[in-house]
Amino acid sequence: MIGEWVALPIWNIAGGQTIGDELYDEILHLTAGRLIERCVAILRLPGASNGADNDLRLTHERGIPVYYNIDEIPHYQPA
């Protein structure tokens, strides 16, 4: 689950016009923060992403575990 999946429909309904506009920043960051509050852990996938880096900052502030490889997740067993 990523914040965009939840935030983009809200942004669109709220009248968002251009990705990165003021409304986008307001809704996306707020929604991502609220989503992170519900997480028990975060899996950070490889690749550059300012949004993901900001999510990690929030995650660390809240003391939520962060994993960088799916094999690091406790009790994970590949199918």
PDB file of N, CA and C in Angstrom:
ATOM      1  N   MET A   1       0.867  -1.171   0.000  1.00  0.00           N
ATOM      2  CA  MET A   1       0.000   0.000   0.000  1.00  0.00           C
ATOM      3  C   MET A   1       0.906   1.225   0.000  1.00  0.00           C
ATOM      4  N   ILE A   2       0.631   2.153  -0.849  1.00  0.00           N
ATOM      5  CA  ILE A   2       1.365   3.415  -0.859  1.00  0.00           C
ATOM      6  C   ILE A   2       0.371   4.568  -0.764  1.00  0.00           C
ATOM      7  N   GLY A   3       0.834   5.677  -0.227  1.00  0.00           N
ATOM      8  CA  GLY A   3      -0.025   6.826  -0.009  1.00  0.00           C
ATOM      9  C   GLY A   3      -0.753   7.306  -1.250  1.00  0.00           C
ATOM     10  N   GLU A   4      -0.101   7.229  -2.400  1.00  0.00           N
ATOM     11  CA  GLU A   4      -0.714   7.698  -3.638  1.00  0.00           C
ATOM     12  C   GLU A   4      -2.000   6.953  -3.968  1.00  0.00           C
ATOM     13  N   TRP A   5      -2.053   5.671  -3.643  1.00  0.00           N
ATOM     14  CA  TRP A   5      -3.240   4.886  -3.964  1.00  0.00           C
ATOM     15  C   TRP A   5      -4.472   5.438  -3.248  1.00  0.00           C
ATOM     16  N   VAL A   6      -4.259   5.987  -2.077  1.00  0.00           N
ATOM     17  CA  VAL A   6      -5.357   6.555  -1.299  1.00  0.00           C
ATOM     18  C   VAL A   6      -5.525   8.036  -1.619  1.00  0.00           C
ATOM     19  N   ALA A   7      -4.416   8.746  -1.738  1.00  0.00           N
ATOM     20  CA  ALA A   7      -4.452  10.205  -1.858  1.00  0.00           C
ATOM     21  C   ALA A   7      -4.905  10.695  -3.241  1.00  0.00           C
ATOM     22  N   LEU A   8      -4.516  10.039  -4.300  1.00  0.00           N
ATOM     23  CA  LEU A   8      -4.836  10.556  -5.633  1.00  0.00           C
ATOM     24  C   LEU A   8      -6.333  10.651  -5.917  1.00  0.00           C
ATOM     25  N   PRO A   9      -7.138   9.658  -5.555  1.00  0.00           N
ATOM     26  CA  PRO A   9      -8.580   9.836  -5.763  1.00  0.00           C
ATOM     27  C   PRO A   9      -9.147  10.998  -4.935  1.00  0.00           C
ATOM     28  N   ILE A  10      -8.660  11.175  -3.725  1.00  0.00           N
ATOM     29  CA  ILE A  10      -9.111  12.294  -2.886  1.00  0.00           C
ATOM     30  C   ILE A  10      -8.708  13.615  -3.522  1.00  0.00           C
ATOM     31  N   TRP A  11      -7.466  13.701  -3.973  1.00  0.00           N
ATOM     32  CA  TRP A  11      -6.955  14.913  -4.626  1.00  0.00           C
ATOM     33  C   TRP A  11      -7.786  15.237  -5.870  1.00  0.00           C
ATOM     34  N   ASN A  12      -8.097  14.213  -6.643  1.00  0.00           N
ATOM     35  CA  ASN A  12      -8.876  14.403  -7.869  1.00  0.00           C
ATOM     36  C   ASN A  12     -10.272  14.939  -7.547  1.00  0.00           C
ATOM     37  N   ILE A  13     -10.942  14.350  -6.586  1.00  0.00           N
ATOM     38  CA  ILE A  13     -12.282  14.789  -6.193  1.00  0.00           C
ATOM     39  C   ILE A  13     -12.247  16.205  -5.618  1.00  0.00           C
ATOM     40  N   ALA A  14     -11.148  16.528  -4.931  1.00  0.00           N
ATOM     41  CA  ALA A  14     -11.013  17.861  -4.319  1.00  0.00           C
ATOM     42  C   ALA A  14     -10.709  18.947  -5.347  1.00  0.00           C
ATOM     43  N   GLY A  15     -10.499  18.553  -6.611  1.00  0.00           N
ATOM     44  CA  GLY A  15     -10.265  19.539  -7.664  1.00  0.00           C
ATOM     45  C   GLY A  15      -8.820  19.694  -8.074  1.00  0.00           C
ATOM     46  N   GLY A  16      -7.975  18.737  -7.709  1.00  0.00           N
ATOM     47  CA  GLY A  16      -6.575  18.798  -8.111  1.00  0.00           C
ATOM     48  C   GLY A  16      -6.433  18.904  -9.615  1.00  0.00           C
ATOM     49  N   GLN A  17      -5.478  19.719 -10.039  1.00  0.00           N
ATOM     50  CA  GLN A  17      -5.293  19.965 -11.468  1.00  0.00           C
ATOM     51  C   GLN A  17      -3.970  19.419 -12.006  1.00  0.00           C
ATOM     52  N   THR A  18      -2.898  19.628 -11.258  1.00  0.00           N
ATOM     53  CA  THR A  18      -1.568  19.259 -11.731  1.00  0.00           C
ATOM     54  C   THR A  18      -0.809  18.543 -10.619  1.00  0.00           C
ATOM     55  N   ILE A  19      -0.246  17.380 -10.942  1.00  0.00           N
ATOM     56  CA  ILE A  19       0.572  16.673  -9.966  1.00  0.00           C
ATOM     57  C   ILE A  19       1.646  17.629  -9.466  1.00  0.00           C
ATOM     58  N   GLY A  20       1.730  17.751  -8.153  1.00  0.00           N
ATOM     59  CA  GLY A  20       2.719  18.640  -7.548  1.00  0.00           C
ATOM     60  C   GLY A  20       2.162  20.010  -7.185  1.00  0.00           C
ATOM     61  N   ASP A  21       0.891  20.272  -7.504  1.00  0.00           N
ATOM     62  CA  ASP A  21       0.321  21.569  -7.129  1.00  0.00           C
ATOM     63  C   ASP A  21       0.151  21.643  -5.605  1.00  0.00           C
ATOM     64  N   GLU A  22      -0.239  22.807  -5.107  1.00  0.00           N
ATOM     65  CA  GLU A  22      -0.349  23.012  -3.664  1.00  0.00           C
ATOM     66  C   GLU A  22      -1.328  22.018  -3.028  1.00  0.00           C
ATOM     67  N   LEU A  23      -2.448  21.786  -3.669  1.00  0.00           N
ATOM     68  CA  LEU A  23      -3.443  20.845  -3.154  1.00  0.00           C
ATOM     69  C   LEU A  23      -2.878  19.425  -3.113  1.00  0.00           C
ATOM     70  N   TYR A  24      -2.122  19.069  -4.144  1.00  0.00           N
ATOM     71  CA  TYR A  24      -1.488  17.749  -4.203  1.00  0.00           C
ATOM     72  C   TYR A  24      -0.585  17.550  -2.995  1.00  0.00           C
ATOM     73  N   ASP A  25       0.303  18.521  -2.752  1.00  0.00           N
ATOM     74  CA  ASP A  25       1.238  18.410  -1.629  1.00  0.00           C
ATOM     75  C   ASP A  25       0.497  18.304  -0.302  1.00  0.00           C
ATOM     76  N   GLU A  26      -0.545  19.100  -0.151  1.00  0.00           N
ATOM     77  CA  GLU A  26      -1.309  19.093   1.097  1.00  0.00           C
ATOM     78  C   GLU A  26      -1.980  17.740   1.336  1.00  0.00           C
ATOM     79  N   ILE A  27      -2.664  17.239   0.333  1.00  0.00           N
ATOM     80  CA  ILE A  27      -3.421  15.991   0.486  1.00  0.00           C
ATOM     81  C   ILE A  27      -2.492  14.789   0.526  1.00  0.00           C
ATOM     82  N   LEU A  28      -1.508  14.739  -0.346  1.00  0.00           N
ATOM     83  CA  LEU A  28      -0.645  13.569  -0.428  1.00  0.00           C
ATOM     84  C   LEU A  28       0.120  13.352   0.874  1.00  0.00           C
ATOM     85  N   HIS A  29       0.747  14.397   1.397  1.00  0.00           N
ATOM     86  CA  HIS A  29       1.565  14.238   2.601  1.00  0.00           C
ATOM     87  C   HIS A  29       0.710  13.920   3.818  1.00  0.00           C
ATOM     88  N   LEU A  30      -0.428  14.557   3.935  1.00  0.00           N
ATOM     89  CA  LEU A  30      -1.337  14.282   5.046  1.00  0.00           C
ATOM     90  C   LEU A  30      -1.841  12.845   4.995  1.00  0.00           C
ATOM     91  N   THR A  31      -2.235  12.409   3.816  1.00  0.00           N
ATOM     92  CA  THR A  31      -2.760  11.048   3.654  1.00  0.00           C
ATOM     93  C   THR A  31      -1.683  10.009   3.917  1.00  0.00           C
ATOM     94  N   ALA A  32      -0.486  10.228   3.393  1.00  0.00           N
ATOM     95  CA  ALA A  32       0.611   9.288   3.617  1.00  0.00           C
ATOM     96  C   ALA A  32       0.924   9.183   5.105  1.00  0.00           C
ATOM     97  N   GLY A  33       0.937  10.319   5.791  1.00  0.00           N
ATOM     98  CA  GLY A  33       1.205  10.313   7.228  1.00  0.00           C
ATOM     99  C   GLY A  33       0.162   9.529   8.001  1.00  0.00           C
ATOM    100  N   ARG A  34      -1.088   9.691   7.636  1.00  0.00           N
ATOM    101  CA  ARG A  34      -2.164   8.957   8.318  1.00  0.00           C
ATOM    102  C   ARG A  34      -2.084   7.464   8.015  1.00  0.00           C
ATOM    103  N   LEU A  35      -1.718   7.120   6.808  1.00  0.00           N
ATOM    104  CA  LEU A  35      -1.571   5.708   6.448  1.00  0.00           C
ATOM    105  C   LEU A  35      -0.434   5.077   7.247  1.00  0.00           C
ATOM    106  N   ILE A  36       0.672   5.786   7.369  1.00  0.00           N
ATOM    107  CA  ILE A  36       1.830   5.269   8.109  1.00  0.00           C
ATOM    108  C   ILE A  36       1.477   5.027   9.571  1.00  0.00           C
ATOM    109  N   GLU A  37       0.602   5.849  10.139  1.00  0.00           N
ATOM    110  CA  GLU A  37       0.183   5.654  11.530  1.00  0.00           C
ATOM    111  C   GLU A  37      -0.458   4.281  11.749  1.00  0.00           C
ATOM    112  N   ARG A  38      -0.978   3.693  10.699  1.00  0.00           N
ATOM    113  CA  ARG A  38      -1.671   2.401  10.796  1.00  0.00           C
ATOM    114  C   ARG A  38      -0.738   1.211  10.520  1.00  0.00           C
ATOM    115  N   CYS A  39       0.493   1.492  10.131  1.00  0.00           N
ATOM    116  CA  CYS A  39       1.422   0.430   9.738  1.00  0.00           C
ATOM    117  C   CYS A  39       2.154  -0.160  10.940  1.00  0.00           C
ATOM    118  N   VAL A  40       2.438  -1.443  10.858  1.00  0.00           N
ATOM    119  CA  VAL A  40       3.261  -2.097  11.869  1.00  0.00           C
ATOM    120  C   VAL A  40       4.703  -2.225  11.380  1.00  0.00           C
ATOM    121  N   ALA A  41       4.923  -2.022  10.086  1.00  0.00           N
ATOM    122  CA  ALA A  41       6.256  -2.057   9.488  1.00  0.00           C
ATOM    123  C   ALA A  41       6.160  -1.470   8.088  1.00  0.00           C
ATOM    124  N   ILE A  42       7.314  -1.103   7.551  1.00  0.00           N
ATOM    125  CA  ILE A  42       7.416  -0.552   6.199  1.00  0.00           C
ATOM    126  C   ILE A  42       8.444  -1.366   5.424  1.00  0.00           C
ATOM    127  N   LEU A  43       8.132  -1.690   4.188  1.00  0.00           N
ATOM    128  CA  LEU A  43       9.083  -2.308   3.269  1.00  0.00           C
ATOM    129  C   LEU A  43       9.474  -1.241   2.263  1.00  0.00           C
ATOM    130  N   ARG A  44      10.726  -0.794   2.314  1.00  0.00           N
ATOM    131  CA  ARG A  44      11.227   0.240   1.389  1.00  0.00           C
ATOM    132  C   ARG A  44      11.848  -0.459   0.200  1.00  0.00           C
ATOM    133  N   LEU A  45      11.205  -0.321  -0.943  1.00  0.00           N
ATOM    134  CA  LEU A  45      11.705  -0.927  -2.169  1.00  0.00           C
ATOM    135  C   LEU A  45      12.810  -0.074  -2.769  1.00  0.00           C
ATOM    136  N   PRO A  46      13.702  -0.661  -3.563  1.00  0.00           N
ATOM    137  CA  PRO A  46      14.798   0.101  -4.159  1.00  0.00           C
ATOM    138  C   PRO A  46      14.298   1.155  -5.142  1.00  0.00           C
ATOM    139  N   GLY A  47      15.075   2.190  -5.301  1.00  0.00           N
ATOM    140  CA  GLY A  47      14.773   3.229  -6.269  1.00  0.00           C
ATOM    141  C   GLY A  47      14.634   4.584  -5.617  1.00  0.00           C
ATOM    142  N   ALA A  48      14.959   5.602  -6.385  1.00  0.00           N
ATOM    143  CA  ALA A  48      14.889   6.970  -5.885  1.00  0.00           C
ATOM    144  C   ALA A  48      13.433   7.419  -5.775  1.00  0.00           C
ATOM    145  N   SER A  49      13.086   8.010  -4.635  1.00  0.00           N
ATOM    146  CA  SER A  49      11.740   8.533  -4.437  1.00  0.00           C
ATOM    147  C   SER A  49      11.745   9.496  -3.259  1.00  0.00           C
ATOM    148  N   ASN A  50      11.523  10.768  -3.549  1.00  0.00           N
ATOM    149  CA  ASN A  50      11.448  11.750  -2.466  1.00  0.00           C
ATOM    150  C   ASN A  50      10.282  11.433  -1.544  1.00  0.00           C
ATOM    151  N   GLY A  51       9.157  10.997  -2.108  1.00  0.00           N
ATOM    152  CA  GLY A  51       8.000  10.650  -1.303  1.00  0.00           C
ATOM    153  C   GLY A  51       8.290   9.492  -0.358  1.00  0.00           C
ATOM    154  N   ALA A  52       8.943   8.454  -0.873  1.00  0.00           N
ATOM    155  CA  ALA A  52       9.284   7.306  -0.034  1.00  0.00           C
ATOM    156  C   ALA A  52      10.285   7.709   1.042  1.00  0.00           C
ATOM    157  N   ASP A  53      11.215   8.587   0.694  1.00  0.00           N
ATOM    158  CA  ASP A  53      12.179   9.063   1.695  1.00  0.00           C
ATOM    159  C   ASP A  53      11.470   9.843   2.795  1.00  0.00           C
ATOM    160  N   ASN A  54      10.479  10.644   2.437  1.00  0.00           N
ATOM    161  CA  ASN A  54       9.700  11.368   3.441  1.00  0.00           C
ATOM    162  C   ASN A  54       8.900  10.385   4.297  1.00  0.00           C
ATOM    163  N   ASP A  55       8.343   9.353   3.675  1.00  0.00           N
ATOM    164  CA  ASP A  55       7.619   8.332   4.429  1.00  0.00           C
ATOM    165  C   ASP A  55       8.551   7.650   5.435  1.00  0.00           C
ATOM    166  N   LEU A  56       9.787   7.397   5.035  1.00  0.00           N
ATOM    167  CA  LEU A  56      10.750   6.784   5.955  1.00  0.00           C
ATOM    168  C   LEU A  56      11.037   7.690   7.137  1.00  0.00           C
ATOM    169  N   ARG A  57      11.137   8.979   6.889  1.00  0.00           N
ATOM    170  CA  ARG A  57      11.363   9.926   7.983  1.00  0.00           C
ATOM    171  C   ARG A  57      10.229   9.819   8.995  1.00  0.00           C
ATOM    172  N   LEU A  58       8.981   9.816   8.511  1.00  0.00           N
ATOM    173  CA  LEU A  58       7.829   9.680   9.401  1.00  0.00           C
ATOM    174  C   LEU A  58       7.855   8.340  10.130  1.00  0.00           C
ATOM    175  N   THR A  59       8.229   7.305   9.409  1.00  0.00           N
ATOM    176  CA  THR A  59       8.297   5.964   9.988  1.00  0.00           C
ATOM    177  C   THR A  59       9.301   5.917  11.132  1.00  0.00           C
ATOM    178  N   HIS A  60      10.477   6.479  10.905  1.00  0.00           N
ATOM    179  CA  HIS A  60      11.510   6.494  11.954  1.00  0.00           C
ATOM    180  C   HIS A  60      11.061   7.322  13.143  1.00  0.00           C
ATOM    181  N   GLU A  61      10.413   8.467  12.898  1.00  0.00           N
ATOM    182  CA  GLU A  61       9.913   9.308  13.989  1.00  0.00           C
ATOM    183  C   GLU A  61       8.915   8.557  14.859  1.00  0.00           C
ATOM    184  N   ARG A  62       8.168   7.656  14.268  1.00  0.00           N
ATOM    185  CA  ARG A  62       7.129   6.924  14.996  1.00  0.00           C
ATOM    186  C   ARG A  62       7.620   5.582  15.532  1.00  0.00           C
ATOM    187  N   GLY A  63       8.885   5.256  15.275  1.00  0.00           N
ATOM    188  CA  GLY A  63       9.455   4.021  15.797  1.00  0.00           C
ATOM    189  C   GLY A  63       8.956   2.757  15.115  1.00  0.00           C
ATOM    190  N   ILE A  64       8.509   2.891  13.881  1.00  0.00           N
ATOM    191  CA  ILE A  64       7.998   1.747  13.119  1.00  0.00           C
ATOM    192  C   ILE A  64       9.174   1.069  12.410  1.00  0.00           C
ATOM    193  N   PRO A  65       9.278  -0.255  12.479  1.00  0.00           N
ATOM    194  CA  PRO A  65      10.378  -0.953  11.809  1.00  0.00           C
ATOM    195  C   PRO A  65      10.354  -0.744  10.290  1.00  0.00           C
ATOM    196  N   VAL A  66      11.551  -0.661   9.724  1.00  0.00           N
ATOM    197  CA  VAL A  66      11.713  -0.518   8.279  1.00  0.00           C
ATOM    198  C   VAL A  66      12.558  -1.683   7.776  1.00  0.00           C
ATOM    199  N   TYR A  67      12.088  -2.315   6.720  1.00  0.00           N
ATOM    200  CA  TYR A  67      12.819  -3.403   6.087  1.00  0.00           C
ATOM    201  C   TYR A  67      13.164  -2.974   4.665  1.00  0.00           C
ATOM    202  N   TYR A  68      14.320  -3.420   4.208  1.00  0.00           N
ATOM    203  CA  TYR A  68      14.791  -3.047   2.873  1.00  0.00           C
ATOM    204  C   TYR A  68      14.816  -4.240   1.924  1.00  0.00           C
ATOM    205  N   ASN A  69      14.499  -5.403   2.452  1.00  0.00           N
ATOM    206  CA  ASN A  69      14.439  -6.618   1.652  1.00  0.00           C
ATOM    207  C   ASN A  69      13.338  -7.492   2.245  1.00  0.00           C
ATOM    208  N   ILE A  70      12.532  -8.079   1.421  1.00  0.00           N
ATOM    209  CA  ILE A  70      11.403  -8.879   1.908  1.00  0.00           C
ATOM    210  C   ILE A  70      11.870 -10.032   2.794  1.00  0.00           C
ATOM    211  N   ASP A  71      13.089 -10.525   2.559  1.00  0.00           N
ATOM    212  CA  ASP A  71      13.613 -11.632   3.366  1.00  0.00           C
ATOM    213  C   ASP A  71      13.958 -11.200   4.783  1.00  0.00           C
ATOM    214  N   GLU A  72      14.045  -9.894   5.046  1.00  0.00           N
ATOM    215  CA  GLU A  72      14.330  -9.384   6.397  1.00  0.00           C
ATOM    216  C   GLU A  72      13.094  -9.422   7.289  1.00  0.00           C
ATOM    217  N   ILE A  73      11.917  -9.521   6.700  1.00  0.00           N
ATOM    218  CA  ILE A  73      10.677  -9.447   7.460  1.00  0.00           C
ATOM    219  C   ILE A  73      10.516 -10.718   8.285  1.00  0.00           C
ATOM    220  N   PRO A  74      10.363 -10.570   9.622  1.00  0.00           N
ATOM    221  CA  PRO A  74      10.201 -11.758  10.468  1.00  0.00           C
ATOM    222  C   PRO A  74       8.977 -12.573  10.039  1.00  0.00           C
ATOM    223  N   HIS A  75       9.124 -13.861  10.089  1.00  0.00           N
ATOM    224  CA  HIS A  75       8.053 -14.817   9.795  1.00  0.00           C
ATOM    225  C   HIS A  75       7.664 -14.837   8.311  1.00  0.00           C
ATOM    226  N   TYR A  76       8.403 -14.124   7.443  1.00  0.00           N
ATOM    227  CA  TYR A  76       8.102 -14.181   6.017  1.00  0.00           C
ATOM    228  C   TYR A  76       8.588 -15.511   5.461  1.00  0.00           C
ATOM    229  N   GLN A  77       7.716 -16.195   4.750  1.00  0.00           N
ATOM    230  CA  GLN A  77       8.081 -17.431   4.093  1.00  0.00           C
ATOM    231  C   GLN A  77       7.647 -17.357   2.645  1.00  0.00           C
ATOM    232  N   PRO A  78       8.594 -17.398   1.714  1.00  0.00           N
ATOM    233  CA  PRO A  78       8.218 -17.337   0.285  1.00  0.00           C
ATOM    234  C   PRO A  78       7.248 -18.452  -0.077  1.00  0.00           C
ATOM    235  N   ALA A  79       6.361 -18.158  -0.990  1.00  0.00           N
ATOM    236  CA  ALA A  79       5.370 -19.161  -1.427  1.00  0.00           C
ATOM    237  C   ALA A  79       6.023 -20.221  -2.273  1.00  0.00           C
TER     238      ALA A  79
END
